[in-house]
């Protein structure tokens, strides 16, 4: 019983992290986009989400 509970929690956690979008200063790349209202600012060293200009 305990094993199935742990498996269920792990599966829910994995599915949430896959469907999440990047918010302010979250890392992003071609595979993981930013949330609505943010864009992926790419530099040679890293890429992170910034708000779009209003």
PDB file of N, CA and C in Angstrom:
ATOM      1  N   UNK A   1       0.826  -1.197   0.000  1.00  0.00           N
ATOM      2  CA  UNK A   1       0.000   0.000   0.000  1.00  0.00           C
ATOM      3  C   UNK A   1       0.863   1.252   0.000  1.00  0.00           C
ATOM      4  N   UNK A   2       1.889   1.274   0.803  1.00  0.00           N
ATOM      5  CA  UNK A   2       2.762   2.434   0.869  1.00  0.00           C
ATOM      6  C   UNK A   2       3.473   2.653  -0.471  1.00  0.00           C
ATOM      7  N   UNK A   3       3.885   1.561  -1.128  1.00  0.00           N
ATOM      8  CA  UNK A   3       4.574   1.661  -2.407  1.00  0.00           C
ATOM      9  C   UNK A   3       3.685   2.325  -3.451  1.00  0.00           C
ATOM     10  N   UNK A   4       2.417   1.949  -3.535  1.00  0.00           N
ATOM     11  CA  UNK A   4       1.521   2.531  -4.535  1.00  0.00           C
ATOM     12  C   UNK A   4       1.274   4.013  -4.257  1.00  0.00           C
ATOM     13  N   UNK A   5       1.251   4.396  -2.994  1.00  0.00           N
ATOM     14  CA  UNK A   5       1.086   5.800  -2.642  1.00  0.00           C
ATOM     15  C   UNK A   5       2.286   6.608  -3.124  1.00  0.00           C
ATOM     16  N   UNK A   6       3.477   6.098  -2.914  1.00  0.00           N
ATOM     17  CA  UNK A   6       4.696   6.779  -3.348  1.00  0.00           C
ATOM     18  C   UNK A   6       4.734   6.884  -4.870  1.00  0.00           C
ATOM     19  N   UNK A   7       4.334   5.834  -5.562  1.00  0.00           N
ATOM     20  CA  UNK A   7       4.305   5.856  -7.027  1.00  0.00           C
ATOM     21  C   UNK A   7       3.313   6.910  -7.515  1.00  0.00           C
ATOM     22  N   UNK A   8       2.148   6.999  -6.888  1.00  0.00           N
ATOM     23  CA  UNK A   8       1.138   7.974  -7.293  1.00  0.00           C
ATOM     24  C   UNK A   8       1.642   9.405  -7.081  1.00  0.00           C
ATOM     25  N   UNK A   9       2.271   9.668  -5.962  1.00  0.00           N
ATOM     26  CA  UNK A   9       2.800  11.008  -5.687  1.00  0.00           C
ATOM     27  C   UNK A   9       3.901  11.366  -6.682  1.00  0.00           C
ATOM     28  N   UNK A  10       4.766  10.418  -6.970  1.00  0.00           N
ATOM     29  CA  UNK A  10       5.841  10.654  -7.938  1.00  0.00           C
ATOM     30  C   UNK A  10       5.279  10.951  -9.315  1.00  0.00           C
ATOM     31  N   UNK A  11       4.276  10.211  -9.739  1.00  0.00           N
ATOM     32  CA  UNK A  11       3.671  10.435 -11.051  1.00  0.00           C
ATOM     33  C   UNK A  11       3.009  11.814 -11.123  1.00  0.00           C
ATOM     34  N   UNK A  12       2.315  12.215 -10.084  1.00  0.00           N
ATOM     35  CA  UNK A  12       1.681  13.538 -10.072  1.00  0.00           C
ATOM     36  C   UNK A  12       2.716  14.651 -10.106  1.00  0.00           C
ATOM     37  N   UNK A  13       3.782  14.485  -9.368  1.00  0.00           N
ATOM     38  CA  UNK A  13       4.836  15.496  -9.354  1.00  0.00           C
ATOM     39  C   UNK A  13       5.494  15.614 -10.721  1.00  0.00           C
ATOM     40  N   UNK A  14       5.760  14.502 -11.356  1.00  0.00           N
ATOM     41  CA  UNK A  14       6.382  14.517 -12.683  1.00  0.00           C
ATOM     42  C   UNK A  14       5.464  15.174 -13.707  1.00  0.00           C
ATOM     43  N   UNK A  15       4.184  14.887 -13.654  1.00  0.00           N
ATOM     44  CA  UNK A  15       3.267  15.475 -14.628  1.00  0.00           C
ATOM     45  C   UNK A  15       3.117  16.974 -14.414  1.00  0.00           C
ATOM     46  N   UNK A  16       3.179  17.448 -13.189  1.00  0.00           N
ATOM     47  CA  UNK A  16       3.079  18.879 -12.931  1.00  0.00           C
ATOM     48  C   UNK A  16       4.308  19.606 -13.449  1.00  0.00           C
ATOM     49  N   UNK A  17       5.488  19.051 -13.264  1.00  0.00           N
ATOM     50  CA  UNK A  17       6.683  19.738 -13.698  1.00  0.00           C
ATOM     51  C   UNK A  17       6.790  19.768 -15.219  1.00  0.00           C
ATOM     52  N   UNK A  18       6.249  18.784 -15.906  1.00  0.00           N
ATOM     53  CA  UNK A  18       6.296  18.751 -17.365  1.00  0.00           C
ATOM     54  C   UNK A  18       5.362  19.796 -17.951  1.00  0.00           C
ATOM     55  N   UNK A  19       4.207  20.016 -17.335  1.00  0.00           N
ATOM     56  CA  UNK A  19       3.229  20.932 -17.886  1.00  0.00           C
ATOM     57  C   UNK A  19       3.431  22.376 -17.429  1.00  0.00           C
ATOM     58  N   UNK A  20       4.373  22.606 -16.537  1.00  0.00           N
ATOM     59  CA  UNK A  20       4.585  23.955 -16.019  1.00  0.00           C
ATOM     60  C   UNK A  20       5.281  24.829 -17.057  1.00  0.00           C
ATOM     61  N   UNK A  21       4.958  26.096 -17.033  1.00  0.00           N
ATOM     62  CA  UNK A  21       5.631  27.040 -17.921  1.00  0.00           C
ATOM     63  C   UNK A  21       6.522  27.943 -17.071  1.00  0.00           C
ATOM     64  N   UNK A  22       7.502  28.544 -17.708  1.00  0.00           N
ATOM     65  CA  UNK A  22       8.456  29.385 -17.005  1.00  0.00           C
ATOM     66  C   UNK A  22       7.901  30.764 -16.708  1.00  0.00           C
ATOM     67  N   UNK A  23       8.165  31.249 -15.506  1.00  0.00           N
ATOM     68  CA  UNK A  23       7.765  32.594 -15.106  1.00  0.00           C
ATOM     69  C   UNK A  23       9.008  33.459 -14.942  1.00  0.00           C
ATOM     70  N   UNK A  24       8.900  34.598 -14.319  1.00  0.00           N
ATOM     71  CA  UNK A  24       9.978  35.579 -14.224  1.00  0.00           C
ATOM     72  C   UNK A  24      11.290  34.959 -13.756  1.00  0.00           C
ATOM     73  N   UNK A  25      12.305  35.080 -14.599  1.00  0.00           N
ATOM     74  CA  UNK A  25      13.668  34.608 -14.372  1.00  0.00           C
ATOM     75  C   UNK A  25      13.793  33.093 -14.212  1.00  0.00           C
ATOM     76  N   UNK A  26      12.772  32.325 -14.643  1.00  0.00           N
ATOM     77  CA  UNK A  26      12.920  30.868 -14.713  1.00  0.00           C
ATOM     78  C   UNK A  26      13.745  30.550 -15.949  1.00  0.00           C
ATOM     79  N   UNK A  27      14.512  29.473 -15.872  1.00  0.00           N
ATOM     80  CA  UNK A  27      15.300  29.061 -17.031  1.00  0.00           C
ATOM     81  C   UNK A  27      14.389  28.535 -18.132  1.00  0.00           C
ATOM     82  N   UNK A  28      14.754  28.764 -19.375  1.00  0.00           N
ATOM     83  CA  UNK A  28      13.980  28.295 -20.510  1.00  0.00           C
ATOM     84  C   UNK A  28      14.931  27.861 -21.614  1.00  0.00           C
ATOM     85  N   UNK A  29      14.393  27.140 -22.571  1.00  0.00           N
ATOM     86  CA  UNK A  29      15.139  26.760 -23.772  1.00  0.00           C
ATOM     87  C   UNK A  29      14.131  26.431 -24.860  1.00  0.00           C
ATOM     88  N   UNK A  30      14.569  25.850 -25.947  1.00  0.00           N
ATOM     89  CA  UNK A  30      13.656  25.539 -27.043  1.00  0.00           C
ATOM     90  C   UNK A  30      12.601  24.522 -26.648  1.00  0.00           C
ATOM     91  N   UNK A  31      12.894  23.672 -25.693  1.00  0.00           N
ATOM     92  CA  UNK A  31      11.962  22.619 -25.292  1.00  0.00           C
ATOM     93  C   UNK A  31      10.967  23.092 -24.236  1.00  0.00           C
ATOM     94  N   UNK A  32      11.372  24.018 -23.393  1.00  0.00           N
ATOM     95  CA  UNK A  32      10.506  24.474 -22.301  1.00  0.00           C
ATOM     96  C   UNK A  32      10.281  25.967 -22.466  1.00  0.00           C
ATOM     97  N   UNK A  33       9.053  26.350 -22.750  1.00  0.00           N
ATOM     98  CA  UNK A  33       8.742  27.745 -23.005  1.00  0.00           C
ATOM     99  C   UNK A  33       8.341  28.501 -21.758  1.00  0.00           C
ATOM    100  N   UNK A  34       8.178  29.776 -21.943  1.00  0.00           N
ATOM    101  CA  UNK A  34       7.757  30.654 -20.855  1.00  0.00           C
ATOM    102  C   UNK A  34       6.227  30.770 -20.847  1.00  0.00           C
ATOM    103  N   UNK A  35       5.700  31.186 -19.722  1.00  0.00           N
ATOM    104  CA  UNK A  35       4.253  31.394 -19.591  1.00  0.00           C
ATOM    105  C   UNK A  35       3.808  32.556 -20.473  1.00  0.00           C
ATOM    106  N   UNK A  36       2.508  32.662 -20.636  1.00  0.00           N
ATOM    107  CA  UNK A  36       1.926  33.773 -21.374  1.00  0.00           C
ATOM    108  C   UNK A  36       2.333  35.082 -20.707  1.00  0.00           C
ATOM    109  N   UNK A  37       2.749  36.041 -21.507  1.00  0.00           N
ATOM    110  CA  UNK A  37       3.187  37.322 -20.970  1.00  0.00           C
ATOM    111  C   UNK A  37       4.684  37.372 -20.715  1.00  0.00           C
ATOM    112  N   UNK A  38       5.402  36.293 -21.010  1.00  0.00           N
ATOM    113  CA  UNK A  38       6.849  36.228 -20.837  1.00  0.00           C
ATOM    114  C   UNK A  38       7.488  35.730 -22.128  1.00  0.00           C
ATOM    115  N   UNK A  39       8.750  36.072 -22.339  1.00  0.00           N
ATOM    116  CA  UNK A  39       9.498  35.557 -23.475  1.00  0.00           C
ATOM    117  C   UNK A  39      10.828  34.992 -22.981  1.00  0.00           C
ATOM    118  N   UNK A  40      11.431  34.131 -23.771  1.00  0.00           N
ATOM    119  CA  UNK A  40      12.697  33.499 -23.405  1.00  0.00           C
ATOM    120  C   UNK A  40      13.838  34.384 -23.893  1.00  0.00           C
ATOM    121  N   UNK A  41      14.530  35.015 -22.976  1.00  0.00           N
ATOM    122  CA  UNK A  41      15.668  35.874 -23.289  1.00  0.00           C
ATOM    123  C   UNK A  41      16.925  35.007 -23.338  1.00  0.00           C
ATOM    124  N   UNK A  42      17.488  34.855 -24.531  1.00  0.00           N
ATOM    125  CA  UNK A  42      18.641  33.977 -24.712  1.00  0.00           C
ATOM    126  C   UNK A  42      19.928  34.780 -24.745  1.00  0.00           C
ATOM    127  N   UNK A  43      20.906  34.340 -23.965  1.00  0.00           N
ATOM    128  CA  UNK A  43      22.247  34.895 -23.993  1.00  0.00           C
ATOM    129  C   UNK A  43      23.199  33.747 -24.306  1.00  0.00           C
ATOM    130  N   UNK A  44      24.445  34.010 -24.620  1.00  0.00           N
ATOM    131  CA  UNK A  44      25.371  32.897 -24.882  1.00  0.00           C
ATOM    132  C   UNK A  44      25.537  31.949 -23.688  1.00  0.00           C
ATOM    133  N   UNK A  45      25.356  32.458 -22.478  1.00  0.00           N
ATOM    134  CA  UNK A  45      25.574  31.632 -21.291  1.00  0.00           C
ATOM    135  C   UNK A  45      24.320  30.929 -20.794  1.00  0.00           C
ATOM    136  N   UNK A  46      23.174  31.600 -20.832  1.00  0.00           N
ATOM    137  CA  UNK A  46      21.939  31.005 -20.334  1.00  0.00           C
ATOM    138  C   UNK A  46      20.735  31.697 -20.938  1.00  0.00           C
ATOM    139  N   UNK A  47      19.567  31.100 -20.726  1.00  0.00           N
ATOM    140  CA  UNK A  47      18.305  31.666 -21.200  1.00  0.00           C
ATOM    141  C   UNK A  47      17.315  31.676 -20.047  1.00  0.00           C
ATOM    142  N   UNK A  48      16.554  32.756 -19.933  1.00  0.00           N
ATOM    143  CA  UNK A  48      15.597  32.869 -18.843  1.00  0.00           C
ATOM    144  C   UNK A  48      14.396  33.685 -19.292  1.00  0.00           C
ATOM    145  N   UNK A  49      13.272  33.501 -18.602  1.00  0.00           N
ATOM    146  CA  UNK A  49      12.018  34.162 -18.954  1.00  0.00           C
ATOM    147  C   UNK A  49      11.980  35.582 -18.407  1.00  0.00           C
ATOM    148  N   UNK A  50      11.541  36.492 -19.261  1.00  0.00           N
ATOM    149  CA  UNK A  50      11.341  37.890 -18.869  1.00  0.00           C
ATOM    150  C   UNK A  50       9.960  38.325 -19.337  1.00  0.00           C
ATOM    151  N   UNK A  51       9.354  39.309 -18.643  1.00  0.00           N
ATOM    152  CA  UNK A  51       8.039  39.782 -19.076  1.00  0.00           C
ATOM    153  C   UNK A  51       8.132  40.509 -20.410  1.00  0.00           C
ATOM    154  N   UNK A  52       7.105  40.328 -21.219  1.00  0.00           N
ATOM    155  CA  UNK A  52       7.043  41.055 -22.487  1.00  0.00           C
ATOM    156  C   UNK A  52       6.676  42.502 -22.206  1.00  0.00           C
ATOM    157  N   UNK A  53       7.092  43.397 -23.062  1.00  0.00           N
ATOM    158  CA  UNK A  53       6.783  44.824 -22.891  1.00  0.00           C
ATOM    159  C   UNK A  53       5.293  45.042 -23.090  1.00  0.00           C
ATOM    160  N   UNK A  54       4.705  45.837 -22.241  1.00  0.00           N
ATOM    161  CA  UNK A  54       3.258  46.103 -22.320  1.00  0.00           C
ATOM    162  C   UNK A  54       2.935  47.139 -23.348  1.00  0.00           C
TER     163      UNK A  54
END
